[in-house]
Amino acid sequence: MHEYLLLLHETPGDFGSLSPAQMEEVVAEYAAWAEDLARRGLLVSGRKLADDGGRHLRAGALASDGPYAEAKDVIGGLFIVRAGDDAQAEALAASCPHLRGRQWIEIRRIEMV
């Protein structure tokens, strides 16, 4: 089994128009999906990232705040999952409730050194 990082990309403000009740439904969908993976032994970890955009740090420069007006998307959260191969990792990502509207998931295999 390999571990894969699923980076949940979204366009800033995608969830901004949701009512509190709608947002609770979205959170429940993610929780149910994660609980199913955990029950099957496929979930390593998952986290929602803060909406403030974080900070960028580049060599030779000061750290700067985000999000940035020119940003087309941000990473809103992540999951680390276990999968036998790339195809299984893609299938797990495809079943994630994050894939709606303009949102997308980046899948990266984690090298185990």
N, C-alpha and C. Protein backbone atom coordinates (compact mmCIF):
# COMPACT_ATOMS: atom_id res chain seq x y z
N MET A 1 0.84 -1.19 0.00
CA MET A 1 0.00 0.00 0.00
C MET A 1 0.88 1.25 0.00
N HIS A 2 0.45 2.22 -0.75
CA HIS A 2 1.11 3.53 -0.80
C HIS A 2 0.24 4.54 -0.07
N GLU A 3 0.82 5.66 0.32
CA GLU A 3 0.06 6.77 0.86
C GLU A 3 0.01 7.87 -0.19
N TYR A 4 -1.14 8.52 -0.30
CA TYR A 4 -1.35 9.59 -1.26
C TYR A 4 -1.89 10.82 -0.54
N LEU A 5 -1.42 11.97 -0.97
CA LEU A 5 -1.91 13.24 -0.47
C LEU A 5 -2.97 13.74 -1.45
N LEU A 6 -4.15 14.03 -0.95
CA LEU A 6 -5.21 14.62 -1.76
C LEU A 6 -5.32 16.08 -1.33
N LEU A 7 -4.93 17.00 -2.21
CA LEU A 7 -5.02 18.43 -1.94
C LEU A 7 -6.33 18.94 -2.53
N LEU A 8 -7.19 19.49 -1.70
CA LEU A 8 -8.51 19.94 -2.11
C LEU A 8 -8.46 21.40 -2.55
N HIS A 9 -8.44 21.62 -3.86
CA HIS A 9 -8.39 22.96 -4.42
C HIS A 9 -9.80 23.51 -4.58
N GLU A 10 -9.93 24.80 -4.34
CA GLU A 10 -11.22 25.46 -4.53
C GLU A 10 -10.99 26.91 -4.92
N THR A 11 -11.98 27.49 -5.55
CA THR A 11 -11.91 28.91 -5.90
C THR A 11 -12.35 29.70 -4.67
N PRO A 12 -11.60 30.75 -4.31
CA PRO A 12 -11.99 31.53 -3.13
C PRO A 12 -13.46 31.96 -3.22
N GLY A 13 -14.15 31.78 -2.12
CA GLY A 13 -15.56 32.17 -2.06
C GLY A 13 -16.54 31.10 -2.52
N ASP A 14 -16.05 29.91 -2.94
CA ASP A 14 -16.96 28.85 -3.40
C ASP A 14 -18.03 28.54 -2.36
N PHE A 15 -17.67 28.55 -1.09
CA PHE A 15 -18.62 28.20 -0.05
C PHE A 15 -19.25 29.43 0.60
N GLY A 16 -18.83 30.62 0.18
CA GLY A 16 -19.30 31.86 0.80
C GLY A 16 -20.78 32.12 0.69
N SER A 17 -21.41 31.60 -0.34
CA SER A 17 -22.84 31.88 -0.53
C SER A 17 -23.76 30.85 0.14
N LEU A 18 -23.17 29.86 0.79
CA LEU A 18 -23.98 28.83 1.44
C LEU A 18 -24.55 29.32 2.76
N SER A 19 -25.78 28.93 3.05
CA SER A 19 -26.38 29.24 4.34
C SER A 19 -25.72 28.35 5.39
N PRO A 20 -25.86 28.69 6.66
CA PRO A 20 -25.30 27.82 7.71
C PRO A 20 -25.82 26.37 7.61
N ALA A 21 -27.09 26.20 7.29
CA ALA A 21 -27.66 24.85 7.16
C ALA A 21 -27.03 24.10 5.98
N GLN A 22 -26.83 24.80 4.87
CA GLN A 22 -26.19 24.18 3.70
C GLN A 22 -24.74 23.82 4.02
N MET A 23 -24.05 24.68 4.74
CA MET A 23 -22.66 24.41 5.10
C MET A 23 -22.58 23.19 6.01
N GLU A 24 -23.52 23.04 6.94
CA GLU A 24 -23.56 21.86 7.80
C GLU A 24 -23.73 20.59 6.97
N GLU A 25 -24.55 20.65 5.92
CA GLU A 25 -24.74 19.50 5.03
C GLU A 25 -23.43 19.15 4.32
N VAL A 26 -22.73 20.15 3.85
CA VAL A 26 -21.45 19.92 3.16
C VAL A 26 -20.46 19.27 4.12
N VAL A 27 -20.35 19.80 5.34
CA VAL A 27 -19.43 19.25 6.33
C VAL A 27 -19.81 17.80 6.65
N ALA A 28 -21.10 17.52 6.75
CA ALA A 28 -21.56 16.15 7.02
C ALA A 28 -21.17 15.20 5.88
N GLU A 29 -21.22 15.67 4.63
CA GLU A 29 -20.82 14.84 3.49
C GLU A 29 -19.34 14.47 3.59
N TYR A 30 -18.50 15.45 3.88
CA TYR A 30 -17.07 15.19 4.02
C TYR A 30 -16.82 14.22 5.19
N ALA A 31 -17.50 14.44 6.31
CA ALA A 31 -17.32 13.58 7.48
C ALA A 31 -17.72 12.14 7.17
N ALA A 32 -18.84 11.95 6.48
CA ALA A 32 -19.30 10.60 6.13
C ALA A 32 -18.31 9.92 5.20
N TRP A 33 -17.78 10.67 4.23
CA TRP A 33 -16.81 10.12 3.29
C TRP A 33 -15.54 9.69 4.05
N ALA A 34 -15.05 10.55 4.93
CA ALA A 34 -13.84 10.25 5.71
C ALA A 34 -14.07 9.08 6.65
N GLU A 35 -15.24 9.02 7.28
CA GLU A 35 -15.55 7.90 8.18
C GLU A 35 -15.58 6.58 7.42
N ASP A 36 -16.11 6.59 6.20
CA ASP A 36 -16.13 5.38 5.38
C ASP A 36 -14.71 4.92 5.07
N LEU A 37 -13.83 5.85 4.67
CA LEU A 37 -12.44 5.50 4.40
C LEU A 37 -11.76 4.97 5.66
N ALA A 38 -11.99 5.60 6.79
CA ALA A 38 -11.38 5.16 8.05
C ALA A 38 -11.84 3.75 8.39
N ARG A 39 -13.11 3.48 8.22
CA ARG A 39 -13.67 2.15 8.52
C ARG A 39 -13.01 1.08 7.65
N ARG A 40 -12.65 1.45 6.41
CA ARG A 40 -12.01 0.51 5.48
C ARG A 40 -10.49 0.50 5.61
N GLY A 41 -9.95 1.27 6.57
CA GLY A 41 -8.51 1.30 6.80
C GLY A 41 -7.74 2.08 5.75
N LEU A 42 -8.41 2.99 5.05
CA LEU A 42 -7.78 3.72 3.95
C LEU A 42 -7.46 5.18 4.28
N LEU A 43 -7.93 5.67 5.42
CA LEU A 43 -7.70 7.06 5.79
C LEU A 43 -6.54 7.15 6.78
N VAL A 44 -5.54 7.94 6.45
CA VAL A 44 -4.42 8.20 7.36
C VAL A 44 -4.73 9.45 8.17
N SER A 45 -5.16 10.52 7.46
CA SER A 45 -5.43 11.79 8.13
C SER A 45 -6.23 12.70 7.20
N GLY A 46 -6.83 13.71 7.76
CA GLY A 46 -7.53 14.71 6.98
C GLY A 46 -7.70 15.98 7.79
N ARG A 47 -7.59 17.11 7.12
CA ARG A 47 -7.71 18.39 7.82
C ARG A 47 -8.30 19.45 6.90
N LYS A 48 -9.09 20.33 7.48
CA LYS A 48 -9.59 21.53 6.82
C LYS A 48 -8.59 22.62 7.13
N LEU A 49 -8.16 23.35 6.12
CA LEU A 49 -7.23 24.45 6.34
C LEU A 49 -7.99 25.73 6.64
N ALA A 50 -7.37 26.62 7.39
CA ALA A 50 -7.99 27.91 7.73
C ALA A 50 -8.24 28.71 6.46
N ASP A 51 -9.30 29.49 6.47
CA ASP A 51 -9.69 30.27 5.29
C ASP A 51 -8.84 31.51 5.06
N ASP A 52 -7.91 31.83 5.96
CA ASP A 52 -7.17 33.09 5.84
C ASP A 52 -6.12 33.10 4.75
N GLY A 53 -5.90 31.98 4.06
CA GLY A 53 -4.97 31.96 2.94
C GLY A 53 -3.53 31.65 3.32
N GLY A 54 -3.21 31.66 4.59
CA GLY A 54 -1.86 31.32 5.01
C GLY A 54 -0.84 32.38 4.65
N ARG A 55 0.41 31.96 4.56
CA ARG A 55 1.50 32.87 4.25
C ARG A 55 2.39 32.21 3.22
N HIS A 56 3.02 33.01 2.40
CA HIS A 56 3.98 32.53 1.41
C HIS A 56 5.37 32.93 1.86
N LEU A 57 6.32 32.02 1.71
CA LEU A 57 7.70 32.31 2.04
C LEU A 57 8.56 31.87 0.88
N ARG A 58 9.36 32.78 0.38
CA ARG A 58 10.27 32.50 -0.73
C ARG A 58 11.68 32.84 -0.30
N ALA A 59 12.65 32.15 -0.87
CA ALA A 59 14.05 32.40 -0.54
C ALA A 59 14.39 33.87 -0.83
N GLY A 60 15.05 34.50 0.12
CA GLY A 60 15.49 35.87 -0.07
C GLY A 60 14.39 36.90 0.02
N ALA A 61 13.21 36.52 0.51
CA ALA A 61 12.10 37.47 0.60
C ALA A 61 11.40 37.33 1.94
N LEU A 62 10.68 38.34 2.30
CA LEU A 62 9.89 38.28 3.52
C LEU A 62 8.66 37.43 3.29
N ALA A 63 8.15 36.82 4.35
CA ALA A 63 6.89 36.09 4.26
C ALA A 63 5.78 37.10 3.99
N SER A 64 4.78 36.69 3.22
CA SER A 64 3.67 37.60 2.92
C SER A 64 2.36 36.86 3.12
N ASP A 65 1.33 37.65 3.43
CA ASP A 65 0.01 37.08 3.68
C ASP A 65 -0.73 36.79 2.40
N GLY A 66 -1.68 35.86 2.45
CA GLY A 66 -2.61 35.57 1.37
C GLY A 66 -4.00 35.69 1.95
N PRO A 67 -5.07 35.43 1.25
CA PRO A 67 -5.06 35.05 -0.16
C PRO A 67 -4.79 36.26 -1.05
N TYR A 68 -4.53 36.00 -2.28
CA TYR A 68 -4.18 37.05 -3.22
C TYR A 68 -5.29 37.23 -4.25
N ALA A 69 -5.54 38.45 -4.65
CA ALA A 69 -6.63 38.74 -5.59
C ALA A 69 -6.45 37.98 -6.89
N GLU A 70 -5.21 37.75 -7.30
CA GLU A 70 -4.99 37.06 -8.56
C GLU A 70 -5.10 35.54 -8.43
N ALA A 71 -5.26 35.03 -7.22
CA ALA A 71 -5.33 33.58 -7.02
C ALA A 71 -6.58 33.02 -7.68
N LYS A 72 -6.38 32.02 -8.53
CA LYS A 72 -7.52 31.36 -9.18
C LYS A 72 -8.07 30.27 -8.28
N ASP A 73 -7.22 29.70 -7.46
CA ASP A 73 -7.71 28.70 -6.51
C ASP A 73 -6.81 28.68 -5.29
N VAL A 74 -7.33 28.11 -4.22
CA VAL A 74 -6.60 27.95 -2.97
C VAL A 74 -6.77 26.49 -2.54
N ILE A 75 -5.93 26.05 -1.64
CA ILE A 75 -6.08 24.72 -1.07
C ILE A 75 -6.87 24.86 0.21
N GLY A 76 -8.06 24.27 0.23
CA GLY A 76 -8.96 24.40 1.37
C GLY A 76 -8.81 23.30 2.40
N GLY A 77 -8.17 22.20 2.03
CA GLY A 77 -8.00 21.10 2.96
C GLY A 77 -7.19 20.00 2.32
N LEU A 78 -6.98 18.93 3.09
CA LEU A 78 -6.19 17.82 2.58
C LEU A 78 -6.61 16.53 3.26
N PHE A 79 -6.38 15.44 2.58
CA PHE A 79 -6.52 14.11 3.15
C PHE A 79 -5.28 13.32 2.77
N ILE A 80 -4.86 12.43 3.64
CA ILE A 80 -3.85 11.43 3.29
C ILE A 80 -4.55 10.09 3.34
N VAL A 81 -4.49 9.38 2.23
CA VAL A 81 -5.19 8.09 2.11
C VAL A 81 -4.20 6.99 1.75
N ARG A 82 -4.63 5.75 1.99
CA ARG A 82 -3.86 4.58 1.58
C ARG A 82 -4.52 3.98 0.36
N ALA A 83 -3.69 3.61 -0.63
CA ALA A 83 -4.21 2.97 -1.83
C ALA A 83 -3.15 2.04 -2.39
N GLY A 84 -3.59 0.99 -3.06
CA GLY A 84 -2.67 0.02 -3.62
C GLY A 84 -1.90 0.54 -4.82
N ASP A 85 -2.51 1.47 -5.57
CA ASP A 85 -1.86 2.01 -6.75
C ASP A 85 -2.52 3.34 -7.13
N ASP A 86 -1.99 3.96 -8.19
CA ASP A 86 -2.52 5.26 -8.62
C ASP A 86 -4.00 5.19 -8.98
N ALA A 87 -4.40 4.11 -9.64
CA ALA A 87 -5.80 3.97 -10.06
C ALA A 87 -6.73 3.93 -8.85
N GLN A 88 -6.35 3.22 -7.80
CA GLN A 88 -7.19 3.19 -6.60
C GLN A 88 -7.22 4.55 -5.92
N ALA A 89 -6.07 5.25 -5.91
CA ALA A 89 -6.04 6.60 -5.32
C ALA A 89 -6.97 7.53 -6.09
N GLU A 90 -6.96 7.43 -7.41
CA GLU A 90 -7.86 8.25 -8.23
C GLU A 90 -9.31 7.91 -7.96
N ALA A 91 -9.62 6.64 -7.79
CA ALA A 91 -11.00 6.24 -7.49
C ALA A 91 -11.44 6.78 -6.14
N LEU A 92 -10.56 6.74 -5.14
CA LEU A 92 -10.89 7.31 -3.84
C LEU A 92 -11.15 8.81 -3.95
N ALA A 93 -10.27 9.50 -4.68
CA ALA A 93 -10.44 10.94 -4.86
C ALA A 93 -11.74 11.25 -5.61
N ALA A 94 -12.06 10.44 -6.60
CA ALA A 94 -13.28 10.66 -7.39
C ALA A 94 -14.54 10.50 -6.55
N SER A 95 -14.45 9.73 -5.47
CA SER A 95 -15.63 9.54 -4.60
C SER A 95 -15.76 10.64 -3.55
N CYS A 96 -14.78 11.54 -3.47
CA CYS A 96 -14.79 12.61 -2.47
C CYS A 96 -15.85 13.65 -2.80
N PRO A 97 -16.60 14.10 -1.80
CA PRO A 97 -17.64 15.11 -2.06
C PRO A 97 -17.08 16.46 -2.49
N HIS A 98 -15.79 16.63 -2.47
CA HIS A 98 -15.19 17.91 -2.85
C HIS A 98 -15.39 18.22 -4.33
N LEU A 99 -15.53 17.21 -5.16
CA LEU A 99 -15.61 17.42 -6.60
C LEU A 99 -17.00 17.90 -7.02
N ARG A 100 -17.18 19.18 -6.94
CA ARG A 100 -18.42 19.84 -7.36
C ARG A 100 -18.06 21.22 -7.89
N GLY A 101 -18.80 21.70 -8.83
CA GLY A 101 -18.52 23.03 -9.37
C GLY A 101 -17.12 23.13 -9.93
N ARG A 102 -16.40 24.17 -9.53
CA ARG A 102 -15.05 24.44 -10.04
C ARG A 102 -13.96 23.81 -9.19
N GLN A 103 -14.33 23.08 -8.17
CA GLN A 103 -13.35 22.51 -7.25
C GLN A 103 -12.66 21.30 -7.88
N TRP A 104 -11.43 21.05 -7.48
CA TRP A 104 -10.70 19.91 -8.00
C TRP A 104 -9.74 19.38 -6.95
N ILE A 105 -9.24 18.16 -7.18
CA ILE A 105 -8.35 17.49 -6.23
C ILE A 105 -7.04 17.15 -6.92
N GLU A 106 -5.94 17.54 -6.30
CA GLU A 106 -4.61 17.16 -6.76
C GLU A 106 -4.20 15.92 -5.98
N ILE A 107 -3.72 14.89 -6.67
CA ILE A 107 -3.34 13.62 -6.06
C ILE A 107 -1.82 13.47 -6.17
N ARG A 108 -1.16 13.29 -5.04
CA ARG A 108 0.29 13.15 -5.01
C ARG A 108 0.67 11.93 -4.18
N ARG A 109 1.42 11.00 -4.77
CA ARG A 109 1.89 9.86 -3.99
C ARG A 109 3.01 10.34 -3.06
N ILE A 110 2.97 9.88 -1.82
CA ILE A 110 3.97 10.25 -0.83
C ILE A 110 5.07 9.21 -0.88
N GLU A 111 6.31 9.66 -1.06
CA GLU A 111 7.44 8.74 -1.09
C GLU A 111 7.78 8.33 0.33
N MET A 112 7.85 7.05 0.54
CA MET A 112 8.19 6.51 1.85
C MET A 112 9.68 6.20 1.83
N VAL A 113 10.46 6.99 2.56
CA VAL A 113 11.92 6.83 2.54
C VAL A 113 12.37 6.02 3.74
